[in-house]
Amino acid sequence: MPSRRPRILLLNASLAGDSGNTAVLIARARRLLARRATLATLTLSTPDSPAFAGLRPHLEKADAFLIGTGTHWDSWSSVLQKFLEDATPAEGTALWLGKPAACVVTEHSVGGKGVLSRLQGVLVTLGCTLPPMSGLVLSRAAVLAAQHAPKAADDFWCADDLRIVCHNLAEAASGTRRWKTWPVDRDDFAGRWLDPK
């Protein structure tokens, strides 16, 4: 187990920057992680955001990462795309190798799960590790469903699931393995919900 608090970098890669939905999730994650880690936050879409060379020292210092993005035409943001392209020469180096990563994706209605899966795949290819249940897609549709049909929305990702993502990221960054899981529908997942009429 590390002799010091792990350093976790929260990377807001949303086009809306500090004013969007992803920023809300990053701020919540910051509060959830603050007791267990030393945190730094970077926003890629600000006018004064440095090029990759300027971001590199922050990435080098980090023991783990939490990356957030919105969903844009079934993909992540253009600023995240540029970041990943610029990160390519560091693939398989100590910048990434073995460092735990978590991802939070916001979406209006659809497309976010594909973004999450692809982003996790890229992070693993760069050299990161993925703790269990370390990815979350929060959609406007799921938030509305939870407000209007809570029972029906039980098996949707919700804002409370961010606690699990942050807990498992902190566990991995600390070298411990006390994993948690979010609720899973084990009874009605195969239930028929479409009216045949």
N, C-alpha and C. Protein backbone atom coordinates (compact mmCIF):
# COMPACT_ATOMS: atom_id res chain seq x y z
N MET A 1 0.85 -1.18 0.00
CA MET A 1 0.00 0.00 0.00
C MET A 1 0.89 1.24 0.00
N PRO A 2 0.54 2.28 -0.81
CA PRO A 2 1.37 3.49 -0.85
C PRO A 2 1.50 4.12 0.52
N SER A 3 2.67 4.73 0.77
CA SER A 3 2.90 5.37 2.06
C SER A 3 2.35 6.78 2.10
N ARG A 4 1.78 7.24 1.00
CA ARG A 4 1.22 8.58 0.95
C ARG A 4 -0.16 8.52 0.28
N ARG A 5 -0.86 9.64 0.40
CA ARG A 5 -2.16 9.71 -0.28
C ARG A 5 -1.93 9.67 -1.79
N PRO A 6 -2.73 8.89 -2.51
CA PRO A 6 -2.56 8.88 -3.97
C PRO A 6 -2.95 10.23 -4.57
N ARG A 7 -2.34 10.55 -5.69
CA ARG A 7 -2.66 11.78 -6.42
C ARG A 7 -3.53 11.40 -7.60
N ILE A 8 -4.72 11.97 -7.64
CA ILE A 8 -5.67 11.68 -8.72
C ILE A 8 -5.90 12.95 -9.52
N LEU A 9 -5.76 12.83 -10.83
CA LEU A 9 -6.01 13.94 -11.74
C LEU A 9 -7.41 13.81 -12.31
N LEU A 10 -8.23 14.84 -12.12
CA LEU A 10 -9.58 14.90 -12.69
C LEU A 10 -9.48 15.73 -13.96
N LEU A 11 -9.75 15.11 -15.08
CA LEU A 11 -9.58 15.76 -16.38
C LEU A 11 -10.95 16.00 -17.01
N ASN A 12 -11.37 17.27 -17.04
CA ASN A 12 -12.64 17.64 -17.66
C ASN A 12 -12.39 17.88 -19.15
N ALA A 13 -12.83 16.93 -19.97
CA ALA A 13 -12.62 17.01 -21.41
C ALA A 13 -13.90 17.34 -22.15
N SER A 14 -14.81 18.01 -21.48
CA SER A 14 -16.09 18.38 -22.08
C SER A 14 -15.96 19.67 -22.89
N LEU A 15 -16.71 19.77 -23.96
CA LEU A 15 -16.71 21.01 -24.74
C LEU A 15 -17.25 22.18 -23.94
N ALA A 16 -18.19 21.91 -23.02
CA ALA A 16 -18.78 22.98 -22.21
C ALA A 16 -17.87 23.41 -21.07
N GLY A 17 -16.77 22.73 -20.89
CA GLY A 17 -15.80 23.12 -19.87
C GLY A 17 -16.40 23.15 -18.48
N ASP A 18 -16.11 24.20 -17.76
CA ASP A 18 -16.53 24.29 -16.36
C ASP A 18 -18.00 24.67 -16.18
N SER A 19 -18.75 24.86 -17.27
CA SER A 19 -20.14 25.26 -17.14
C SER A 19 -21.12 24.17 -17.57
N GLY A 20 -20.63 22.99 -17.93
CA GLY A 20 -21.52 21.96 -18.44
C GLY A 20 -21.87 20.87 -17.45
N ASN A 21 -22.60 19.89 -17.93
CA ASN A 21 -23.04 18.76 -17.10
C ASN A 21 -21.85 17.92 -16.63
N THR A 22 -20.87 17.73 -17.49
CA THR A 22 -19.70 16.95 -17.09
C THR A 22 -18.99 17.64 -15.94
N ALA A 23 -18.95 18.97 -15.95
CA ALA A 23 -18.31 19.71 -14.85
C ALA A 23 -19.02 19.44 -13.53
N VAL A 24 -20.34 19.28 -13.57
CA VAL A 24 -21.09 18.96 -12.35
C VAL A 24 -20.65 17.60 -11.81
N LEU A 25 -20.52 16.61 -12.70
CA LEU A 25 -20.06 15.29 -12.25
C LEU A 25 -18.62 15.34 -11.73
N ILE A 26 -17.76 16.10 -12.39
CA ILE A 26 -16.36 16.23 -11.94
C ILE A 26 -16.32 16.88 -10.55
N ALA A 27 -17.14 17.91 -10.34
CA ALA A 27 -17.18 18.57 -9.03
C ALA A 27 -17.67 17.61 -7.95
N ARG A 28 -18.68 16.79 -8.28
CA ARG A 28 -19.16 15.79 -7.32
C ARG A 28 -18.08 14.75 -7.04
N ALA A 29 -17.38 14.33 -8.08
CA ALA A 29 -16.30 13.36 -7.90
C ALA A 29 -15.20 13.95 -7.02
N ARG A 30 -14.92 15.22 -7.21
CA ARG A 30 -13.90 15.88 -6.40
C ARG A 30 -14.28 15.81 -4.91
N ARG A 31 -15.54 16.08 -4.61
CA ARG A 31 -15.99 16.01 -3.20
C ARG A 31 -15.90 14.58 -2.67
N LEU A 32 -16.24 13.60 -3.50
CA LEU A 32 -16.21 12.21 -3.07
C LEU A 32 -14.79 11.69 -2.86
N LEU A 33 -13.84 12.20 -3.63
CA LEU A 33 -12.46 11.71 -3.57
C LEU A 33 -11.58 12.48 -2.59
N ALA A 34 -12.02 13.64 -2.17
CA ALA A 34 -11.16 14.56 -1.40
C ALA A 34 -10.63 13.96 -0.10
N ARG A 35 -11.41 13.11 0.54
CA ARG A 35 -10.95 12.52 1.81
C ARG A 35 -9.85 11.48 1.61
N ARG A 36 -9.78 10.90 0.42
CA ARG A 36 -8.88 9.77 0.21
C ARG A 36 -7.69 10.06 -0.69
N ALA A 37 -7.68 11.22 -1.34
CA ALA A 37 -6.62 11.46 -2.33
C ALA A 37 -6.29 12.95 -2.39
N THR A 38 -5.11 13.22 -2.91
CA THR A 38 -4.71 14.58 -3.26
C THR A 38 -5.16 14.79 -4.70
N LEU A 39 -5.91 15.85 -4.94
CA LEU A 39 -6.56 16.03 -6.23
C LEU A 39 -6.03 17.23 -7.00
N ALA A 40 -6.02 17.07 -8.31
CA ALA A 40 -5.78 18.18 -9.22
C ALA A 40 -6.85 18.10 -10.30
N THR A 41 -7.31 19.25 -10.78
CA THR A 41 -8.33 19.29 -11.82
C THR A 41 -7.84 20.13 -12.99
N LEU A 42 -8.02 19.61 -14.19
CA LEU A 42 -7.69 20.33 -15.41
C LEU A 42 -8.91 20.33 -16.33
N THR A 43 -9.14 21.44 -16.99
CA THR A 43 -10.21 21.55 -17.97
C THR A 43 -9.58 21.80 -19.33
N LEU A 44 -9.85 20.94 -20.29
CA LEU A 44 -9.19 21.02 -21.59
C LEU A 44 -9.75 22.09 -22.51
N SER A 45 -10.98 22.52 -22.30
CA SER A 45 -11.61 23.43 -23.27
C SER A 45 -11.45 24.91 -22.92
N THR A 46 -10.68 25.25 -21.92
CA THR A 46 -10.49 26.66 -21.60
C THR A 46 -9.54 27.30 -22.61
N PRO A 47 -9.70 28.59 -22.86
CA PRO A 47 -8.82 29.25 -23.84
C PRO A 47 -7.34 29.17 -23.47
N ASP A 48 -7.05 29.11 -22.18
CA ASP A 48 -5.64 29.07 -21.77
C ASP A 48 -5.16 27.66 -21.44
N SER A 49 -5.93 26.64 -21.83
CA SER A 49 -5.50 25.26 -21.58
C SER A 49 -4.22 24.99 -22.37
N PRO A 50 -3.20 24.45 -21.71
CA PRO A 50 -1.93 24.24 -22.40
C PRO A 50 -2.00 23.09 -23.40
N ALA A 51 -1.05 23.06 -24.31
CA ALA A 51 -0.90 21.93 -25.21
C ALA A 51 -0.47 20.72 -24.40
N PHE A 52 -0.39 19.56 -25.03
CA PHE A 52 -0.09 18.33 -24.32
C PHE A 52 1.22 18.44 -23.54
N ALA A 53 2.21 19.10 -24.10
CA ALA A 53 3.49 19.24 -23.39
C ALA A 53 3.30 19.94 -22.05
N GLY A 54 2.37 20.89 -21.99
CA GLY A 54 2.09 21.59 -20.74
C GLY A 54 1.27 20.76 -19.77
N LEU A 55 0.50 19.81 -20.30
CA LEU A 55 -0.31 18.92 -19.47
C LEU A 55 0.52 17.77 -18.92
N ARG A 56 1.57 17.43 -19.62
CA ARG A 56 2.36 16.25 -19.28
C ARG A 56 2.84 16.21 -17.83
N PRO A 57 3.36 17.32 -17.26
CA PRO A 57 3.79 17.24 -15.85
C PRO A 57 2.66 16.86 -14.89
N HIS A 58 1.43 17.30 -15.18
CA HIS A 58 0.28 16.93 -14.34
C HIS A 58 -0.02 15.43 -14.47
N LEU A 59 0.09 14.93 -15.69
CA LEU A 59 -0.15 13.50 -15.93
C LEU A 59 0.93 12.66 -15.26
N GLU A 60 2.17 13.13 -15.31
CA GLU A 60 3.28 12.39 -14.71
C GLU A 60 3.14 12.30 -13.19
N LYS A 61 2.67 13.37 -12.56
CA LYS A 61 2.50 13.38 -11.10
C LYS A 61 1.36 12.50 -10.63
N ALA A 62 0.38 12.28 -11.49
CA ALA A 62 -0.83 11.56 -11.09
C ALA A 62 -0.58 10.07 -10.92
N ASP A 63 -1.20 9.51 -9.89
CA ASP A 63 -1.21 8.06 -9.68
C ASP A 63 -2.43 7.42 -10.33
N ALA A 64 -3.44 8.23 -10.64
CA ALA A 64 -4.68 7.73 -11.22
C ALA A 64 -5.39 8.90 -11.92
N PHE A 65 -6.35 8.54 -12.76
CA PHE A 65 -7.07 9.55 -13.55
C PHE A 65 -8.58 9.32 -13.49
N LEU A 66 -9.33 10.41 -13.50
CA LEU A 66 -10.76 10.37 -13.76
C LEU A 66 -10.99 11.33 -14.92
N ILE A 67 -11.49 10.79 -16.02
CA ILE A 67 -11.68 11.58 -17.24
C ILE A 67 -13.17 11.71 -17.52
N GLY A 68 -13.62 12.93 -17.77
CA GLY A 68 -15.02 13.19 -18.07
C GLY A 68 -15.19 13.84 -19.43
N THR A 69 -16.23 13.45 -20.14
CA THR A 69 -16.55 14.04 -21.43
C THR A 69 -18.05 13.99 -21.67
N GLY A 70 -18.51 14.86 -22.53
CA GLY A 70 -19.87 14.78 -23.03
C GLY A 70 -19.92 13.85 -24.22
N THR A 71 -21.12 13.67 -24.77
CA THR A 71 -21.30 12.82 -25.96
C THR A 71 -21.71 13.72 -27.12
N HIS A 72 -20.98 13.61 -28.21
CA HIS A 72 -21.20 14.46 -29.38
C HIS A 72 -21.23 13.57 -30.62
N TRP A 73 -22.42 13.36 -31.18
CA TRP A 73 -22.59 12.54 -32.37
C TRP A 73 -21.92 11.17 -32.17
N ASP A 74 -22.27 10.52 -31.07
CA ASP A 74 -21.79 9.17 -30.74
C ASP A 74 -20.28 9.11 -30.50
N SER A 75 -19.70 10.23 -30.12
CA SER A 75 -18.27 10.22 -29.81
C SER A 75 -17.99 11.15 -28.65
N TRP A 76 -16.74 11.17 -28.20
CA TRP A 76 -16.34 12.10 -27.15
C TRP A 76 -16.06 13.45 -27.76
N SER A 77 -15.70 14.40 -26.94
CA SER A 77 -15.49 15.77 -27.41
C SER A 77 -14.27 15.88 -28.31
N SER A 78 -14.27 16.91 -29.12
CA SER A 78 -13.11 17.16 -30.00
C SER A 78 -11.86 17.48 -29.19
N VAL A 79 -12.01 18.12 -28.03
CA VAL A 79 -10.82 18.43 -27.21
C VAL A 79 -10.24 17.14 -26.63
N LEU A 80 -11.09 16.17 -26.31
CA LEU A 80 -10.57 14.89 -25.84
C LEU A 80 -9.90 14.13 -26.98
N GLN A 81 -10.48 14.21 -28.17
CA GLN A 81 -9.86 13.56 -29.33
C GLN A 81 -8.45 14.11 -29.57
N LYS A 82 -8.31 15.44 -29.51
CA LYS A 82 -6.98 16.04 -29.70
C LYS A 82 -6.03 15.61 -28.60
N PHE A 83 -6.51 15.59 -27.36
CA PHE A 83 -5.69 15.16 -26.23
C PHE A 83 -5.18 13.74 -26.45
N LEU A 84 -6.07 12.83 -26.86
CA LEU A 84 -5.68 11.44 -27.06
C LEU A 84 -4.70 11.30 -28.23
N GLU A 85 -4.93 12.07 -29.28
CA GLU A 85 -3.99 12.04 -30.41
C GLU A 85 -2.60 12.53 -29.98
N ASP A 86 -2.58 13.61 -29.20
CA ASP A 86 -1.30 14.15 -28.73
C ASP A 86 -0.63 13.22 -27.72
N ALA A 87 -1.42 12.39 -27.04
CA ALA A 87 -0.87 11.45 -26.04
C ALA A 87 -0.28 10.20 -26.68
N THR A 88 -0.53 9.98 -27.95
CA THR A 88 -0.12 8.73 -28.61
C THR A 88 1.37 8.41 -28.44
N PRO A 89 2.28 9.38 -28.59
CA PRO A 89 3.70 9.02 -28.42
C PRO A 89 4.05 8.51 -27.02
N ALA A 90 3.21 8.78 -26.03
CA ALA A 90 3.47 8.33 -24.66
C ALA A 90 2.83 6.97 -24.36
N GLU A 91 2.24 6.33 -25.38
CA GLU A 91 1.61 5.02 -25.18
C GLU A 91 2.61 4.04 -24.60
N GLY A 92 2.19 3.32 -23.56
CA GLY A 92 3.03 2.29 -22.98
C GLY A 92 4.21 2.80 -22.17
N THR A 93 4.18 4.08 -21.80
CA THR A 93 5.25 4.64 -20.99
C THR A 93 4.76 4.84 -19.55
N ALA A 94 5.68 5.24 -18.69
CA ALA A 94 5.35 5.45 -17.27
C ALA A 94 4.29 6.52 -17.07
N LEU A 95 4.06 7.34 -18.09
CA LEU A 95 3.01 8.35 -17.99
C LEU A 95 1.65 7.70 -17.70
N TRP A 96 1.43 6.52 -18.28
CA TRP A 96 0.15 5.80 -18.17
C TRP A 96 0.26 4.45 -17.49
N LEU A 97 1.39 3.80 -17.63
CA LEU A 97 1.51 2.37 -17.36
C LEU A 97 1.09 1.97 -15.94
N GLY A 98 0.04 1.18 -15.88
CA GLY A 98 -0.46 0.65 -14.61
C GLY A 98 -1.28 1.61 -13.78
N LYS A 99 -1.47 2.84 -14.25
CA LYS A 99 -2.23 3.81 -13.47
C LYS A 99 -3.73 3.56 -13.65
N PRO A 100 -4.48 3.47 -12.55
CA PRO A 100 -5.92 3.26 -12.66
C PRO A 100 -6.62 4.47 -13.30
N ALA A 101 -7.64 4.18 -14.08
CA ALA A 101 -8.42 5.24 -14.72
C ALA A 101 -9.90 4.95 -14.59
N ALA A 102 -10.67 6.01 -14.40
CA ALA A 102 -12.13 5.93 -14.38
C ALA A 102 -12.65 6.96 -15.38
N CYS A 103 -13.86 6.72 -15.88
CA CYS A 103 -14.45 7.60 -16.88
C CYS A 103 -15.89 7.94 -16.50
N VAL A 104 -16.25 9.21 -16.70
CA VAL A 104 -17.64 9.62 -16.57
C VAL A 104 -18.04 10.30 -17.88
N VAL A 105 -19.18 9.89 -18.39
CA VAL A 105 -19.67 10.39 -19.68
C VAL A 105 -21.07 10.93 -19.46
N THR A 106 -21.34 12.12 -19.97
CA THR A 106 -22.70 12.65 -19.96
C THR A 106 -23.25 12.60 -21.37
N GLU A 107 -24.57 12.44 -21.44
CA GLU A 107 -25.23 12.40 -22.75
C GLU A 107 -26.62 12.98 -22.60
N HIS A 108 -27.15 13.50 -23.69
CA HIS A 108 -28.52 13.99 -23.66
C HIS A 108 -29.48 12.82 -23.63
N SER A 109 -29.31 11.90 -24.58
CA SER A 109 -30.25 10.77 -24.63
C SER A 109 -29.57 9.45 -24.97
N VAL A 110 -28.72 9.42 -26.00
CA VAL A 110 -28.13 8.15 -26.43
C VAL A 110 -26.68 8.36 -26.85
N GLY A 111 -25.97 7.25 -27.00
CA GLY A 111 -24.61 7.26 -27.55
C GLY A 111 -23.51 7.16 -26.52
N GLY A 112 -23.80 7.45 -25.26
CA GLY A 112 -22.77 7.53 -24.25
C GLY A 112 -22.11 6.21 -23.91
N LYS A 113 -22.86 5.10 -23.95
CA LYS A 113 -22.26 3.81 -23.59
C LYS A 113 -21.17 3.43 -24.59
N GLY A 114 -21.39 3.73 -25.86
CA GLY A 114 -20.36 3.47 -26.86
C GLY A 114 -19.13 4.33 -26.61
N VAL A 115 -19.36 5.58 -26.22
CA VAL A 115 -18.25 6.49 -25.90
C VAL A 115 -17.46 5.94 -24.72
N LEU A 116 -18.17 5.51 -23.67
CA LEU A 116 -17.50 4.97 -22.49
C LEU A 116 -16.65 3.75 -22.84
N SER A 117 -17.23 2.80 -23.55
CA SER A 117 -16.51 1.57 -23.89
C SER A 117 -15.28 1.85 -24.73
N ARG A 118 -15.41 2.73 -25.70
CA ARG A 118 -14.26 3.04 -26.56
C ARG A 118 -13.19 3.79 -25.79
N LEU A 119 -13.60 4.72 -24.92
CA LEU A 119 -12.63 5.48 -24.13
C LEU A 119 -11.87 4.55 -23.18
N GLN A 120 -12.58 3.63 -22.54
CA GLN A 120 -11.90 2.68 -21.68
C GLN A 120 -10.91 1.84 -22.48
N GLY A 121 -11.28 1.46 -23.69
CA GLY A 121 -10.37 0.70 -24.54
C GLY A 121 -9.12 1.47 -24.88
N VAL A 122 -9.26 2.76 -25.17
CA VAL A 122 -8.09 3.60 -25.48
C VAL A 122 -7.20 3.71 -24.25
N LEU A 123 -7.79 3.93 -23.09
CA LEU A 123 -6.99 4.08 -21.87
C LEU A 123 -6.21 2.81 -21.55
N VAL A 124 -6.83 1.65 -21.75
CA VAL A 124 -6.11 0.39 -21.54
C VAL A 124 -4.97 0.26 -22.55
N THR A 125 -5.22 0.65 -23.79
CA THR A 125 -4.17 0.58 -24.80
C THR A 125 -3.02 1.53 -24.48
N LEU A 126 -3.31 2.70 -23.92
CA LEU A 126 -2.25 3.61 -23.50
C LEU A 126 -1.42 3.00 -22.37
N GLY A 127 -2.04 2.12 -21.56
CA GLY A 127 -1.32 1.46 -20.48
C GLY A 127 -2.00 1.52 -19.14
N CYS A 128 -3.15 2.18 -19.05
CA CYS A 128 -3.87 2.29 -17.77
C CYS A 128 -4.53 0.97 -17.40
N THR A 129 -4.92 0.87 -16.15
CA THR A 129 -5.74 -0.24 -15.68
C THR A 129 -7.13 0.29 -15.35
N LEU A 130 -8.11 -0.58 -15.40
CA LEU A 130 -9.49 -0.19 -15.09
C LEU A 130 -9.97 -0.93 -13.85
N PRO A 131 -10.26 -0.20 -12.77
CA PRO A 131 -10.88 -0.85 -11.61
C PRO A 131 -12.28 -1.33 -11.98
N PRO A 132 -12.86 -2.24 -11.21
CA PRO A 132 -14.23 -2.65 -11.49
C PRO A 132 -15.20 -1.48 -11.33
N MET A 133 -16.21 -1.50 -12.15
CA MET A 133 -17.27 -0.49 -12.10
C MET A 133 -16.70 0.92 -12.00
N SER A 134 -15.80 1.21 -12.93
CA SER A 134 -15.13 2.51 -12.94
C SER A 134 -15.55 3.37 -14.12
N GLY A 135 -16.68 3.04 -14.73
CA GLY A 135 -17.21 3.84 -15.83
C GLY A 135 -18.68 4.11 -15.61
N LEU A 136 -19.10 5.30 -15.97
CA LEU A 136 -20.48 5.73 -15.72
C LEU A 136 -20.93 6.61 -16.87
N VAL A 137 -22.15 6.36 -17.34
CA VAL A 137 -22.79 7.23 -18.32
C VAL A 137 -24.04 7.79 -17.66
N LEU A 138 -24.11 9.10 -17.55
CA LEU A 138 -25.31 9.72 -16.98
C LEU A 138 -26.03 10.49 -18.08
N SER A 139 -27.27 10.09 -18.33
CA SER A 139 -28.04 10.71 -19.41
C SER A 139 -29.18 11.55 -18.86
N ARG A 140 -29.56 12.53 -19.61
CA ARG A 140 -30.73 13.33 -19.25
C ARG A 140 -31.96 12.43 -19.20
N ALA A 141 -32.04 11.48 -20.13
CA ALA A 141 -33.18 10.56 -20.16
C ALA A 141 -33.27 9.76 -18.86
N ALA A 142 -32.14 9.29 -18.34
CA ALA A 142 -32.15 8.51 -17.09
C ALA A 142 -32.53 9.39 -15.91
N VAL A 143 -32.06 10.63 -15.89
CA VAL A 143 -32.41 11.55 -14.80
C VAL A 143 -33.92 11.81 -14.82
N LEU A 144 -34.49 12.05 -16.00
CA LEU A 144 -35.93 12.27 -16.11
C LEU A 144 -36.72 11.02 -15.73
N ALA A 145 -36.25 9.85 -16.15
CA ALA A 145 -36.92 8.61 -15.81
C ALA A 145 -36.94 8.40 -14.30
N ALA A 146 -35.82 8.70 -13.64
CA ALA A 146 -35.74 8.54 -12.19
C ALA A 146 -36.69 9.49 -11.48
N GLN A 147 -36.90 10.67 -12.05
CA GLN A 147 -37.81 11.64 -11.44
C GLN A 147 -39.27 11.24 -11.61
N HIS A 148 -39.61 10.61 -12.75
CA HIS A 148 -41.01 10.35 -13.08
C HIS A 148 -41.43 8.89 -12.95
N ALA A 149 -40.49 7.98 -13.00
CA ALA A 149 -40.82 6.55 -12.86
C ALA A 149 -39.66 5.86 -12.14
N PRO A 150 -39.48 6.19 -10.85
CA PRO A 150 -38.31 5.70 -10.12
C PRO A 150 -38.12 4.19 -10.17
N LYS A 151 -39.18 3.42 -10.03
CA LYS A 151 -39.04 1.97 -10.04
C LYS A 151 -38.54 1.48 -11.40
N ALA A 152 -39.08 2.05 -12.46
CA ALA A 152 -38.67 1.65 -13.81
C ALA A 152 -37.21 2.03 -14.08
N ALA A 153 -36.70 3.05 -13.40
CA ALA A 153 -35.35 3.54 -13.64
C ALA A 153 -34.31 2.90 -12.72
N ASP A 154 -34.73 1.92 -11.92
CA ASP A 154 -33.81 1.31 -10.95
C ASP A 154 -32.54 0.76 -11.58
N ASP A 155 -32.61 0.26 -12.79
CA ASP A 155 -31.45 -0.37 -13.40
C ASP A 155 -30.69 0.57 -14.34
N PHE A 156 -31.05 1.86 -14.32
CA PHE A 156 -30.32 2.84 -15.12
C PHE A 156 -29.18 3.39 -14.29
N TRP A 157 -28.10 3.81 -14.95
CA TRP A 157 -27.07 4.54 -14.22
C TRP A 157 -27.68 5.81 -13.65
N CYS A 158 -27.29 6.16 -12.44
CA CYS A 158 -27.78 7.39 -11.82
C CYS A 158 -26.62 8.12 -11.18
N ALA A 159 -26.87 9.36 -10.75
CA ALA A 159 -25.82 10.18 -10.17
C ALA A 159 -25.20 9.52 -8.93
N ASP A 160 -25.99 8.76 -8.17
CA ASP A 160 -25.46 8.08 -6.99
C ASP A 160 -24.40 7.04 -7.33
N ASP A 161 -24.43 6.50 -8.55
CA ASP A 161 -23.44 5.51 -8.95
C ASP A 161 -22.04 6.10 -9.03
N LEU A 162 -21.95 7.43 -9.09
CA LEU A 162 -20.64 8.08 -9.09
C LEU A 162 -19.87 7.74 -7.81
N ARG A 163 -20.59 7.51 -6.71
CA ARG A 163 -19.93 7.11 -5.46
C ARG A 163 -19.14 5.82 -5.64
N ILE A 164 -19.70 4.88 -6.37
CA ILE A 164 -19.05 3.59 -6.60
C ILE A 164 -17.82 3.78 -7.48
N VAL A 165 -17.98 4.56 -8.56
CA VAL A 165 -16.85 4.84 -9.46
C VAL A 165 -15.70 5.45 -8.68
N CYS A 166 -15.99 6.46 -7.87
CA CYS A 166 -14.95 7.15 -7.10
C CYS A 166 -14.34 6.25 -6.04
N HIS A 167 -15.17 5.48 -5.36
CA HIS A 167 -14.66 4.56 -4.35
C HIS A 167 -13.68 3.57 -4.97
N ASN A 168 -14.08 2.95 -6.08
CA ASN A 168 -13.23 1.93 -6.70
C ASN A 168 -11.96 2.54 -7.29
N LEU A 169 -12.04 3.75 -7.81
CA LEU A 169 -10.83 4.42 -8.30
C LEU A 169 -9.87 4.69 -7.14
N ALA A 170 -10.41 5.19 -6.04
CA ALA A 170 -9.56 5.47 -4.87
C ALA A 170 -8.95 4.18 -4.32
N GLU A 171 -9.71 3.11 -4.32
CA GLU A 171 -9.18 1.81 -3.87
C GLU A 171 -8.01 1.39 -4.75
N ALA A 172 -8.19 1.45 -6.05
CA ALA A 172 -7.12 1.04 -6.96
C ALA A 172 -5.90 1.94 -6.82
N ALA A 173 -6.12 3.24 -6.69
CA ALA A 173 -5.00 4.19 -6.56
C ALA A 173 -4.25 4.00 -5.24
N SER A 174 -4.96 3.52 -4.23
CA SER A 174 -4.35 3.31 -2.91
C SER A 174 -3.69 1.94 -2.78
N GLY A 175 -3.93 1.07 -3.75
CA GLY A 175 -3.37 -0.27 -3.68
C GLY A 175 -4.19 -1.22 -2.85
N THR A 176 -5.41 -0.84 -2.52
CA THR A 176 -6.31 -1.71 -1.76
C THR A 176 -7.37 -2.26 -2.72
N ARG A 177 -8.14 -3.21 -2.27
CA ARG A 177 -9.09 -3.88 -3.17
C ARG A 177 -10.44 -4.12 -2.51
N ARG A 178 -10.93 -3.14 -1.78
CA ARG A 178 -12.25 -3.29 -1.14
C ARG A 178 -13.31 -2.74 -2.11
N TRP A 179 -13.55 -3.48 -3.16
CA TRP A 179 -14.43 -3.01 -4.23
C TRP A 179 -15.87 -2.92 -3.76
N LYS A 180 -16.59 -2.00 -4.39
CA LYS A 180 -18.04 -1.88 -4.19
C LYS A 180 -18.72 -2.01 -5.54
N THR A 181 -20.00 -2.37 -5.51
CA THR A 181 -20.78 -2.47 -6.74
C THR A 181 -22.05 -1.65 -6.61
N TRP A 182 -22.55 -1.19 -7.74
CA TRP A 182 -23.83 -0.49 -7.71
C TRP A 182 -24.95 -1.53 -7.80
N PRO A 183 -26.18 -1.13 -7.49
CA PRO A 183 -27.30 -2.09 -7.55
C PRO A 183 -27.47 -2.63 -8.97
N VAL A 184 -27.78 -3.89 -9.05
CA VAL A 184 -27.99 -4.55 -10.34
C VAL A 184 -29.35 -5.22 -10.31
N ASP A 185 -30.13 -5.03 -11.37
CA ASP A 185 -31.44 -5.67 -11.48
C ASP A 185 -31.23 -7.15 -11.81
N ARG A 186 -31.51 -8.00 -10.85
CA ARG A 186 -31.33 -9.43 -11.05
C ARG A 186 -32.67 -10.15 -11.24
N ASP A 187 -33.77 -9.40 -11.16
CA ASP A 187 -35.08 -10.03 -11.25
C ASP A 187 -35.83 -9.67 -12.53
N ASP A 188 -35.86 -8.38 -12.87
CA ASP A 188 -36.73 -7.92 -13.95
C ASP A 188 -35.98 -7.52 -15.21
N PHE A 189 -34.70 -7.86 -15.30
CA PHE A 189 -33.92 -7.41 -16.45
C PHE A 189 -34.43 -7.98 -17.78
N ALA A 190 -35.09 -9.14 -17.72
CA ALA A 190 -35.62 -9.74 -18.95
C ALA A 190 -37.12 -9.51 -19.10
N GLY A 191 -37.67 -8.69 -18.22
CA GLY A 191 -39.12 -8.44 -18.27
C GLY A 191 -39.54 -7.74 -19.55
N ARG A 192 -40.74 -8.02 -19.97
CA ARG A 192 -41.27 -7.38 -21.17
C ARG A 192 -41.80 -6.01 -20.79
N TRP A 193 -41.34 -4.97 -21.46
CA TRP A 193 -41.75 -3.60 -21.16
C TRP A 193 -42.40 -2.91 -22.34
N LEU A 194 -42.38 -3.52 -23.51
CA LEU A 194 -42.97 -2.91 -24.70
C LEU A 194 -44.39 -3.42 -24.88
N ASP A 195 -45.34 -2.50 -24.99
CA ASP A 195 -46.75 -2.86 -25.20
C ASP A 195 -46.90 -3.44 -26.60
N PRO A 196 -47.49 -4.62 -26.75
CA PRO A 196 -47.60 -5.24 -28.08
C PRO A 196 -48.59 -4.55 -29.01
N LYS A 197 -49.36 -3.59 -28.50
CA LYS A 197 -50.35 -2.92 -29.36
C LYS A 197 -49.72 -1.87 -30.24
